[in-house]
Amino acid sequence: MEDTLTGSKPSATAANERRLEVVTFTLGKEEYAIDIQRVQELRGYDAVTRIANAPEYIKGVVNLRGIIVPIIDMRIKFNLGTPTYDQFTVVIVLNILGRVVGMVVDSVSDVITLEAGQIKPPPEMGAALDTDYLIGLGTLDDRMLILVDIDKLMSSQEMGLVEKATA
């Protein structure tokens, strides 16, 4: 598509900055979304090997084709009630800063491309709620998606799963 004022074509980077391709998933009654580029694969929930003294939200580890992968239950992490594991429960396998991590969610909905106008900044919550890991809110017709910066969440000191990238 050509810019009618300058006659030049917009760069691929400029076009990508206006769009965000996300995988949407549910936790309880809320719908969340993460950048699809962080998703390695989707798997059904299998039994995990529990690790002694791990925080409650770290369900344990699984062996994924020779890689030991920590499994995080996001419902427990976000204090959204007691999780139930059924045929809809999905583990989203993520690649975050070179580390593989599994994230348990209630279900995966779909893959959506959000335009810049559909992404609103996160609301100001003050000290009551840590919103550092929120990109914003995505609006799609009558749906509201909570956009999670999964890199920030998984590399946060509290999670301790992925070492922060050194600058």
C-alpha atoms as a PDB file:
ATOM      1  CA  MET A   1       0.000   0.000   0.000  1.00  0.00           C
ATOM      2  CA  GLU A   2       1.465   3.366  -1.027  1.00  0.00           C
ATOM      3  CA  ASP A   3       1.395   6.527   1.087  1.00  0.00           C
ATOM      4  CA  THR A   4      -0.573   9.044  -1.000  1.00  0.00           C
ATOM      5  CA  LEU A   5       1.325  12.051   0.409  1.00  0.00           C
ATOM      6  CA  THR A   6       4.906  10.882  -0.081  1.00  0.00           C
ATOM      7  CA  GLY A   7       4.428   8.212  -2.739  1.00  0.00           C
ATOM      8  CA  SER A   8       6.507   5.814  -0.640  1.00  0.00           C
ATOM      9  CA  LYS A   9       5.521   2.469   0.764  1.00  0.00           C
ATOM     10  CA  PRO A  10       5.428   2.123   4.559  1.00  0.00           C
ATOM     11  CA  SER A  11       8.135  -0.096   5.987  1.00  0.00           C
ATOM     12  CA  ALA A  12       7.236  -3.554   7.294  1.00  0.00           C
ATOM     13  CA  THR A  13       8.299  -2.384  10.773  1.00  0.00           C
ATOM     14  CA  ALA A  14       5.913   0.580  10.676  1.00  0.00           C
ATOM     15  CA  ALA A  15       3.088  -1.696   9.579  1.00  0.00           C
ATOM     16  CA  ASN A  16       3.871  -4.202  12.348  1.00  0.00           C
ATOM     17  CA  GLU A  17       3.924  -1.472  15.032  1.00  0.00           C
ATOM     18  CA  ARG A  18       0.279  -0.779  14.247  1.00  0.00           C
ATOM     19  CA  ARG A  19      -0.743  -4.421  14.641  1.00  0.00           C
ATOM     20  CA  LEU A  20      -0.397  -7.088  17.289  1.00  0.00           C
ATOM     21  CA  GLU A  21      -1.095 -10.740  16.551  1.00  0.00           C
ATOM     22  CA  VAL A  22      -2.189 -12.481  19.743  1.00  0.00           C
ATOM     23  CA  VAL A  23      -3.359 -15.833  21.059  1.00  0.00           C
ATOM     24  CA  THR A  24      -6.426 -15.396  23.267  1.00  0.00           C
ATOM     25  CA  PHE A  25      -7.160 -17.594  26.267  1.00  0.00           C
ATOM     26  CA  THR A  26      -9.547 -17.679  29.190  1.00  0.00           C
ATOM     27  CA  LEU A  27      -8.958 -17.730  32.926  1.00  0.00           C
ATOM     28  CA  GLY A  28     -12.276 -17.912  34.732  1.00  0.00           C
ATOM     29  CA  LYS A  29     -14.663 -15.459  33.087  1.00  0.00           C
ATOM     30  CA  GLU A  30     -11.934 -13.164  31.724  1.00  0.00           C
ATOM     31  CA  GLU A  31     -10.252 -13.287  28.350  1.00  0.00           C
ATOM     32  CA  TYR A  32      -6.520 -12.640  28.070  1.00  0.00           C
ATOM     33  CA  ALA A  33      -4.128 -12.356  25.141  1.00  0.00           C
ATOM     34  CA  ILE A  34      -0.385 -12.758  24.604  1.00  0.00           C
ATOM     35  CA  ASP A  35       1.898 -12.092  21.632  1.00  0.00           C
ATOM     36  CA  ILE A  36       1.738 -15.119  19.329  1.00  0.00           C
ATOM     37  CA  GLN A  37       5.479 -14.831  18.664  1.00  0.00           C
ATOM     38  CA  ARG A  38       6.154 -16.119  22.207  1.00  0.00           C
ATOM     39  CA  VAL A  39       4.037 -19.264  21.706  1.00  0.00           C
ATOM     40  CA  GLN A  40       5.973 -22.409  20.827  1.00  0.00           C
ATOM     41  CA  GLU A  41       3.052 -24.861  20.947  1.00  0.00           C
ATOM     42  CA  LEU A  42      -0.268 -25.736  22.588  1.00  0.00           C
ATOM     43  CA  ARG A  43      -0.680 -28.972  24.561  1.00  0.00           C
ATOM     44  CA  GLY A  44      -3.339 -30.637  26.652  1.00  0.00           C
ATOM     45  CA  TYR A  45      -2.762 -30.624  30.408  1.00  0.00           C
ATOM     46  CA  ASP A  46      -0.842 -33.711  31.574  1.00  0.00           C
ATOM     47  CA  ALA A  47       0.342 -34.780  34.998  1.00  0.00           C
ATOM     48  CA  VAL A  48       3.395 -32.871  36.210  1.00  0.00           C
ATOM     49  CA  THR A  49       6.251 -33.782  38.525  1.00  0.00           C
ATOM     50  CA  ARG A  50       5.824 -31.664  41.638  1.00  0.00           C
ATOM     51  CA  ILE A  51       8.890 -29.797  42.960  1.00  0.00           C
ATOM     52  CA  ALA A  52       9.257 -29.538  46.763  1.00  0.00           C
ATOM     53  CA  ASN A  53       8.972 -26.018  48.237  1.00  0.00           C
ATOM     54  CA  ALA A  54       7.945 -24.468  44.904  1.00  0.00           C
ATOM     55  CA  PRO A  55       5.344 -21.676  45.056  1.00  0.00           C
ATOM     56  CA  GLU A  56       1.765 -22.960  44.690  1.00  0.00           C
ATOM     57  CA  TYR A  57       1.371 -21.466  41.190  1.00  0.00           C
ATOM     58  CA  ILE A  58       4.312 -23.550  39.929  1.00  0.00           C
ATOM     59  CA  LYS A  59       2.518 -26.860  39.399  1.00  0.00           C
ATOM     60  CA  GLY A  60       5.765 -28.710  38.688  1.00  0.00           C
ATOM     61  CA  VAL A  61       7.774 -29.703  35.639  1.00  0.00           C
ATOM     62  CA  VAL A  62       7.284 -31.870  32.555  1.00  0.00           C
ATOM     63  CA  ASN A  63       9.770 -33.429  30.179  1.00  0.00           C
ATOM     64  CA  LEU A  64       9.037 -31.983  26.735  1.00  0.00           C
ATOM     65  CA  ARG A  65      11.148 -33.848  24.186  1.00  0.00           C
ATOM     66  CA  GLY A  66      14.178 -33.826  26.499  1.00  0.00           C
ATOM     67  CA  ILE A  67      13.666 -30.282  27.869  1.00  0.00           C
ATOM     68  CA  ILE A  68      12.541 -29.896  31.489  1.00  0.00           C
ATOM     69  CA  VAL A  69       9.771 -27.288  31.391  1.00  0.00           C
ATOM     70  CA  PRO A  70       8.345 -25.539  34.486  1.00  0.00           C
ATOM     71  CA  ILE A  71       4.521 -25.397  34.418  1.00  0.00           C
ATOM     72  CA  ILE A  72       2.826 -22.270  35.818  1.00  0.00           C
ATOM     73  CA  ASP A  73      -0.903 -22.257  36.615  1.00  0.00           C
ATOM     74  CA  MET A  74      -2.047 -18.740  35.719  1.00  0.00           C
ATOM     75  CA  ARG A  75      -5.370 -19.093  37.565  1.00  0.00           C
ATOM     76  CA  ILE A  76      -3.443 -19.600  40.825  1.00  0.00           C
ATOM     77  CA  LYS A  77      -0.885 -16.910  39.897  1.00  0.00           C
ATOM     78  CA  PHE A  78      -3.632 -14.323  39.339  1.00  0.00           C
ATOM     79  CA  ASN A  79      -5.731 -15.452  42.364  1.00  0.00           C
ATOM     80  CA  LEU A  80      -8.712 -16.420  40.208  1.00  0.00           C
ATOM     81  CA  GLY A  81     -10.034 -19.269  42.328  1.00  0.00           C
ATOM     82  CA  THR A  82      -9.349 -22.976  42.433  1.00  0.00           C
ATOM     83  CA  PRO A  83      -8.367 -24.359  39.035  1.00  0.00           C
ATOM     84  CA  THR A  84     -10.133 -27.331  37.530  1.00  0.00           C
ATOM     85  CA  TYR A  85      -8.387 -29.479  34.952  1.00  0.00           C
ATOM     86  CA  ASP A  86     -10.564 -30.925  32.197  1.00  0.00           C
ATOM     87  CA  GLN A  87     -10.504 -31.623  28.464  1.00  0.00           C
ATOM     88  CA  PHE A  88     -10.461 -27.865  27.731  1.00  0.00           C
ATOM     89  CA  THR A  89      -7.441 -27.092  29.953  1.00  0.00           C
ATOM     90  CA  VAL A  90      -4.465 -26.113  27.804  1.00  0.00           C
ATOM     91  CA  VAL A  91      -0.767 -25.643  28.435  1.00  0.00           C
ATOM     92  CA  ILE A  92       0.617 -22.831  26.283  1.00  0.00           C
ATOM     93  CA  VAL A  93       4.307 -23.610  25.812  1.00  0.00           C
ATOM     94  CA  LEU A  94       6.202 -20.323  25.623  1.00  0.00           C
ATOM     95  CA  ASN A  95       9.698 -19.400  24.574  1.00  0.00           C
ATOM     96  CA  ILE A  96      10.706 -16.430  26.737  1.00  0.00           C
ATOM     97  CA  LEU A  97      14.207 -15.032  26.397  1.00  0.00           C
ATOM     98  CA  GLY A  98      15.470 -18.449  25.302  1.00  0.00           C
ATOM     99  CA  ARG A  99      13.768 -20.332  28.177  1.00  0.00           C
ATOM    100  CA  VAL A 100      10.842 -22.714  27.656  1.00  0.00           C
ATOM    101  CA  VAL A 101       7.950 -22.318  30.135  1.00  0.00           C
ATOM    102  CA  GLY A 102       4.460 -23.863  30.176  1.00  0.00           C
ATOM    103  CA  MET A 103       1.459 -21.755  31.171  1.00  0.00           C
ATOM    104  CA  VAL A 104      -1.771 -23.517  32.235  1.00  0.00           C
ATOM    105  CA  VAL A 105      -4.971 -21.739  31.122  1.00  0.00           C
ATOM    106  CA  ASP A 106      -8.646 -22.754  31.173  1.00  0.00           C
ATOM    107  CA  SER A 107      -8.932 -22.752  27.382  1.00  0.00           C
ATOM    108  CA  VAL A 108      -7.474 -21.185  24.243  1.00  0.00           C
ATOM    109  CA  SER A 109      -9.938 -19.222  22.122  1.00  0.00           C
ATOM    110  CA  ASP A 110      -8.323 -18.061  18.901  1.00  0.00           C
ATOM    111  CA  VAL A 111      -5.628 -16.058  17.133  1.00  0.00           C
ATOM    112  CA  ILE A 112      -6.515 -12.430  16.476  1.00  0.00           C
ATOM    113  CA  THR A 113      -4.735  -9.492  14.867  1.00  0.00           C
ATOM    114  CA  LEU A 114      -5.396  -6.243  16.751  1.00  0.00           C
ATOM    115  CA  GLU A 115      -4.925  -2.909  15.027  1.00  0.00           C
ATOM    116  CA  ALA A 116      -3.394   0.001  16.984  1.00  0.00           C
ATOM    117  CA  GLY A 117      -6.844   1.625  17.411  1.00  0.00           C
ATOM    118  CA  GLN A 118      -8.126  -1.515  19.159  1.00  0.00           C
ATOM    119  CA  ILE A 119      -5.435  -1.386  21.874  1.00  0.00           C
ATOM    120  CA  LYS A 120      -6.097   0.901  24.846  1.00  0.00           C
ATOM    121  CA  PRO A 121      -3.548   1.658  27.590  1.00  0.00           C
ATOM    122  CA  PRO A 122      -3.952  -0.206  30.894  1.00  0.00           C
ATOM    123  CA  PRO A 123      -6.057   1.630  33.477  1.00  0.00           C
ATOM    124  CA  GLU A 124      -4.282   3.426  36.322  1.00  0.00           C
ATOM    125  CA  MET A 125      -4.768   1.321  39.439  1.00  0.00           C
ATOM    126  CA  GLY A 126      -2.213   2.977  41.723  1.00  0.00           C
ATOM    127  CA  ALA A 127      -0.475   0.752  44.260  1.00  0.00           C
ATOM    128  CA  ALA A 128      -3.555  -1.493  44.604  1.00  0.00           C
ATOM    129  CA  LEU A 129      -2.651  -3.555  41.533  1.00  0.00           C
ATOM    130  CA  ASP A 130       0.651  -4.257  39.801  1.00  0.00           C
ATOM    131  CA  THR A 131      -0.017  -3.530  36.127  1.00  0.00           C
ATOM    132  CA  ASP A 132       3.625  -3.555  34.969  1.00  0.00           C
ATOM    133  CA  TYR A 133       3.022  -6.714  32.957  1.00  0.00           C
ATOM    134  CA  LEU A 134      -0.062  -5.368  31.150  1.00  0.00           C
ATOM    135  CA  ILE A 135       0.315  -4.010  27.632  1.00  0.00           C
ATOM    136  CA  GLY A 136      -3.236  -2.704  27.684  1.00  0.00           C
ATOM    137  CA  LEU A 137      -6.764  -3.726  26.841  1.00  0.00           C
ATOM    138  CA  GLY A 138      -7.753  -4.957  23.429  1.00  0.00           C
ATOM    139  CA  THR A 139     -11.242  -4.210  22.181  1.00  0.00           C
ATOM    140  CA  LEU A 140     -12.845  -6.444  19.610  1.00  0.00           C
ATOM    141  CA  ASP A 141     -16.555  -5.910  18.965  1.00  0.00           C
ATOM    142  CA  ASP A 142     -18.154  -6.671  22.360  1.00  0.00           C
ATOM    143  CA  ARG A 143     -15.058  -8.459  23.710  1.00  0.00           C
ATOM    144  CA  MET A 144     -12.442  -6.981  26.034  1.00  0.00           C
ATOM    145  CA  LEU A 145      -9.029  -8.704  26.036  1.00  0.00           C
ATOM    146  CA  ILE A 146      -6.476  -8.200  28.807  1.00  0.00           C
ATOM    147  CA  LEU A 147      -3.172  -7.924  26.922  1.00  0.00           C
ATOM    148  CA  VAL A 148      -0.353  -9.456  28.958  1.00  0.00           C
ATOM    149  CA  ASP A 149       3.328  -8.697  28.358  1.00  0.00           C
ATOM    150  CA  ILE A 150       4.351 -12.298  28.961  1.00  0.00           C
ATOM    151  CA  ASP A 151       8.083 -11.458  28.797  1.00  0.00           C
ATOM    152  CA  LYS A 152       7.742  -9.001  31.693  1.00  0.00           C
ATOM    153  CA  LEU A 153       5.500 -11.313  33.698  1.00  0.00           C
ATOM    154  CA  MET A 154       7.688 -14.404  33.364  1.00  0.00           C
ATOM    155  CA  SER A 155      10.958 -12.516  33.874  1.00  0.00           C
ATOM    156  CA  SER A 156       9.680 -10.587  36.909  1.00  0.00           C
ATOM    157  CA  GLN A 157      11.680 -11.065  40.083  1.00  0.00           C
ATOM    158  CA  GLU A 158       8.613 -12.578  41.755  1.00  0.00           C
ATOM    159  CA  MET A 159       8.360 -15.312  39.118  1.00  0.00           C
ATOM    160  CA  GLY A 160      12.105 -15.881  39.024  1.00  0.00           C
ATOM    161  CA  LEU A 161      11.742 -18.260  36.069  1.00  0.00           C
ATOM    162  CA  VAL A 162      13.646 -16.396  33.435  1.00  0.00           C
ATOM    163  CA  GLU A 163      16.646 -14.265  34.245  1.00  0.00           C
ATOM    164  CA  LYS A 164      16.195 -10.683  33.134  1.00  0.00           C
ATOM    165  CA  ALA A 165      18.085  -9.896  29.969  1.00  0.00           C
ATOM    166  CA  THR A 166      21.199  -7.886  30.726  1.00  0.00           C
ATOM    167  CA  ALA A 167      21.502  -4.663  28.813  1.00  0.00           C
END
